[in-house]
Protein backbone atom coordinates (compact mmCIF):
# COMPACT_ATOMS: atom_id res chain seq x y z
CA UNK A 1 0.00 0.00 0.00
CA UNK A 2 2.91 2.33 0.61
CA UNK A 3 3.85 1.95 -3.06
CA UNK A 4 0.42 3.34 -4.08
CA UNK A 5 0.67 6.34 -1.73
CA UNK A 6 4.13 7.42 -2.87
CA UNK A 7 3.20 8.51 -6.46
CA UNK A 8 0.03 10.22 -5.25
CA UNK A 9 1.96 12.06 -2.54
CA UNK A 10 4.58 13.16 -5.11
CA UNK A 11 1.88 14.54 -7.42
CA UNK A 12 0.23 16.44 -4.58
CA UNK A 13 3.58 17.90 -3.46
CA UNK A 14 4.57 18.91 -7.00
CA UNK A 15 1.15 20.51 -7.62
CA UNK A 16 1.38 22.39 -4.30
CA UNK A 17 4.89 23.62 -5.07
CA UNK A 18 3.84 24.70 -8.58
CA UNK A 19 0.92 26.67 -7.09
CA UNK A 20 3.27 28.25 -4.55
CA UNK A 21 5.71 29.32 -7.29
CA UNK A 22 2.91 30.76 -9.44
CA UNK A 23 1.52 32.66 -6.44
CA UNK A 24 4.96 34.02 -5.55
CA UNK A 25 5.69 35.11 -9.12
CA UNK A 26 2.30 36.80 -9.51
CA UNK A 27 3.41 39.38 -6.95
CA UNK A 28 6.45 40.33 -9.06
CA UNK A 29 6.37 43.48 -11.15
CA UNK A 30 8.69 44.59 -13.90
CA UNK A 31 10.06 48.05 -13.12
CA UNK A 32 13.34 49.85 -13.76
CA UNK A 33 15.80 49.03 -11.03
CA UNK A 34 17.10 52.56 -10.47
CA UNK A 35 14.41 54.66 -12.08
CA UNK A 36 10.93 55.81 -11.53
CA UNK A 37 8.36 57.36 -13.83
CA UNK A 38 8.56 60.84 -12.33
CA UNK A 39 12.17 60.95 -11.12
CA UNK A 40 15.44 61.90 -12.77
CA UNK A 41 15.10 59.07 -15.29
CA UNK A 42 11.96 60.64 -16.71
CA UNK A 43 13.61 64.07 -16.71
CA UNK A 44 16.40 62.75 -18.94
CA UNK A 45 13.90 62.83 -21.78
CA UNK A 46 13.64 66.62 -21.24
CA UNK A 47 17.25 67.20 -22.31
CA UNK A 48 18.12 68.79 -25.64
CA UNK A 49 21.56 68.39 -27.21
CA UNK A 50 23.53 70.83 -29.34
CA UNK A 51 24.04 70.07 -33.02
CA UNK A 52 27.07 68.00 -34.00
CA UNK A 53 29.96 69.33 -36.08
CA UNK A 54 31.45 66.03 -37.29
CA UNK A 55 30.77 62.30 -37.55
CA UNK A 56 32.08 61.12 -34.16
CA UNK A 57 30.29 63.92 -32.35
CA UNK A 58 27.10 62.92 -34.20
CA UNK A 59 27.49 59.32 -33.00
CA UNK A 60 27.82 60.53 -29.39
CA UNK A 61 24.84 62.90 -29.80
CA UNK A 62 22.62 60.22 -31.37
CA UNK A 63 23.49 57.72 -28.64
CA UNK A 64 22.80 60.31 -25.92
CA UNK A 65 19.40 61.07 -27.44
CA UNK A 66 18.59 57.38 -27.64
CA UNK A 67 19.71 56.65 -24.07
CA UNK A 68 18.07 59.67 -22.48
CA UNK A 69 14.72 59.32 -24.25
CA UNK A 70 14.43 55.55 -24.11
CA UNK A 71 14.45 55.43 -27.91
CA UNK A 72 11.67 58.01 -28.31
CA UNK A 73 13.79 60.67 -30.04
CA UNK A 74 14.69 64.27 -29.27
CA UNK A 75 12.83 66.35 -26.72
CA UNK A 76 10.35 68.70 -28.41
CA UNK A 77 10.44 71.33 -25.65
CA UNK A 78 13.65 70.65 -23.70
CA UNK A 79 13.86 71.84 -20.10
CA UNK A 80 17.64 71.36 -20.08
CA UNK A 81 20.24 71.94 -22.79
CA UNK A 82 23.57 70.16 -23.19
CA UNK A 83 26.35 71.78 -25.18
CA UNK A 84 28.59 69.00 -26.41
CA UNK A 85 32.05 69.05 -27.98
CA UNK A 86 33.73 65.80 -28.99
CA UNK A 87 37.27 65.18 -30.20
CA UNK A 88 38.64 61.89 -31.51
CA UNK A 89 42.33 60.94 -31.73
CA UNK A 90 43.92 57.82 -33.21
CA UNK A 91 47.44 56.65 -32.42
CA UNK A 92 49.59 53.58 -32.96
CA UNK A 93 50.57 51.75 -29.82
CA UNK A 94 53.71 50.32 -31.39
CA UNK A 95 55.47 52.32 -34.07
CA UNK A 96 57.22 49.48 -35.89
CA UNK A 97 57.31 50.06 -39.64
CA UNK A 98 59.05 46.72 -40.30
CA UNK A 99 56.35 44.67 -38.58
CA UNK A 100 54.26 42.35 -40.72
CA UNK A 101 50.55 41.85 -40.10
CA UNK A 102 48.29 43.67 -37.70
CA UNK A 103 49.54 46.52 -35.53
CA UNK A 104 47.85 47.53 -32.26
CA UNK A 105 46.26 50.97 -32.16
CA UNK A 106 44.20 53.15 -29.88
CA UNK A 107 41.33 55.57 -30.41
CA UNK A 108 40.56 58.06 -27.65
CA UNK A 109 37.28 59.98 -27.84
CA UNK A 110 37.02 62.93 -25.47
CA UNK A 111 33.76 64.73 -24.77
CA UNK A 112 33.33 68.07 -23.03
CA UNK A 113 29.78 68.93 -22.02
CA UNK A 114 27.83 71.55 -20.12
CA UNK A 115 24.21 71.06 -19.05
CA UNK A 116 22.17 74.14 -18.22
CA UNK A 117 18.58 74.81 -17.32
CA UNK A 118 16.71 76.42 -20.24
CA UNK A 119 14.49 78.59 -18.02
CA UNK A 120 17.28 80.57 -16.35
CA UNK A 121 20.51 79.40 -18.03
CA UNK A 122 22.02 78.11 -14.78
CA UNK A 123 24.75 75.52 -15.39
CA UNK A 124 23.87 72.31 -13.52
CA UNK A 125 26.74 70.10 -14.62
CA UNK A 126 29.89 70.49 -16.67
CA UNK A 127 32.67 68.03 -17.27
CA UNK A 128 35.04 66.22 -19.55
CA UNK A 129 34.92 62.47 -20.07
CA UNK A 130 37.06 60.15 -22.13
CA UNK A 131 36.61 56.70 -23.64
CA UNK A 132 39.33 54.54 -25.18
CA UNK A 133 38.93 51.79 -27.74
CA UNK A 134 41.74 49.46 -28.77
CA UNK A 135 42.04 48.01 -32.26
CA UNK A 136 44.25 46.00 -34.58
CA UNK A 137 45.27 47.93 -37.66
CA UNK A 138 46.00 46.33 -41.00
CA UNK A 139 48.50 47.85 -43.42
CA UNK A 140 45.79 47.92 -46.10
CA UNK A 141 44.47 51.45 -46.38
CA UNK A 142 40.73 50.69 -46.52
CA UNK A 143 40.96 48.10 -43.74
CA UNK A 144 42.81 50.63 -41.58
CA UNK A 145 40.19 53.32 -42.20
CA UNK A 146 37.37 50.89 -41.43
CA UNK A 147 38.93 49.59 -38.21
CA UNK A 148 39.60 53.14 -36.97
CA UNK A 149 36.00 54.12 -37.75
CA UNK A 150 34.65 51.07 -35.90
CA UNK A 151 36.85 51.87 -32.90
CA UNK A 152 35.64 55.49 -32.95
CA UNK A 153 32.04 54.28 -32.96
CA UNK A 154 32.65 51.92 -30.02
CA UNK A 155 34.38 54.63 -28.00
CA UNK A 156 31.68 57.19 -28.90
CA UNK A 157 28.89 54.92 -27.67
CA UNK A 158 30.78 54.22 -24.45
CA UNK A 159 31.40 57.94 -23.96
CA UNK A 160 27.69 58.63 -24.42
CA UNK A 161 26.82 56.13 -21.67
CA UNK A 162 29.25 57.78 -19.25
CA UNK A 163 27.96 61.28 -20.04
CA UNK A 164 24.36 60.08 -19.67
CA UNK A 165 25.19 58.72 -16.22
CA UNK A 166 26.68 62.11 -15.25
CA UNK A 167 23.57 63.90 -16.49
CA UNK A 168 21.31 61.51 -14.56
CA UNK A 169 23.25 62.20 -11.36
CA UNK A 170 22.98 65.95 -11.91
CA UNK A 171 19.22 65.69 -12.48
CA UNK A 172 18.83 63.52 -9.37
CA UNK A 173 20.31 66.38 -7.33
CA UNK A 174 18.01 68.88 -9.06
CA UNK A 175 14.80 69.54 -7.09
CA UNK A 176 11.66 68.41 -8.89
CA UNK A 177 9.80 71.10 -10.81
CA UNK A 178 7.12 72.87 -8.82
CA UNK A 179 3.61 71.88 -9.74
CA UNK A 180 1.36 74.74 -10.69
CA UNK A 181 -2.14 74.41 -9.36
CA UNK A 182 -5.03 76.02 -11.14
CA UNK A 183 -8.37 76.75 -9.54
């Protein structure tokens, strides 16, 4: 008789544990870990960015717009404005002209930014950040140009993430806008 009870008991225990897991998971909610709908994360979408002067600066600007708006695009009426200047520099790590094959290289993208409030022009955050991307450079001209461009793009996207984090910290310190009540 104990052999008949064992499978039934297993089924009851597995059904009870499945119900417990379903009940526990039903209480879970998907929310941003460090953001809230009305906090600094939502205010990132209220940032406007200055126009870019060259390709690498445009990559940084586009990535900043994407990250700050959650993919929704530029702010139509920005509450904050970021003036952005980006410089890219490529250099060989080893300067060996006799070497055969790939040579190591480095691309450094430096971004200087200043975020100000549109309403009164007060500067909330200013800084300079840098991102480095390493690459292997071929002696073929097109391959070298392509690998440098790819490294610039990688460094530009990384720089945009760092600048976005700085802007989020500055907005977290900013008091929330005062609500205007109408009668």
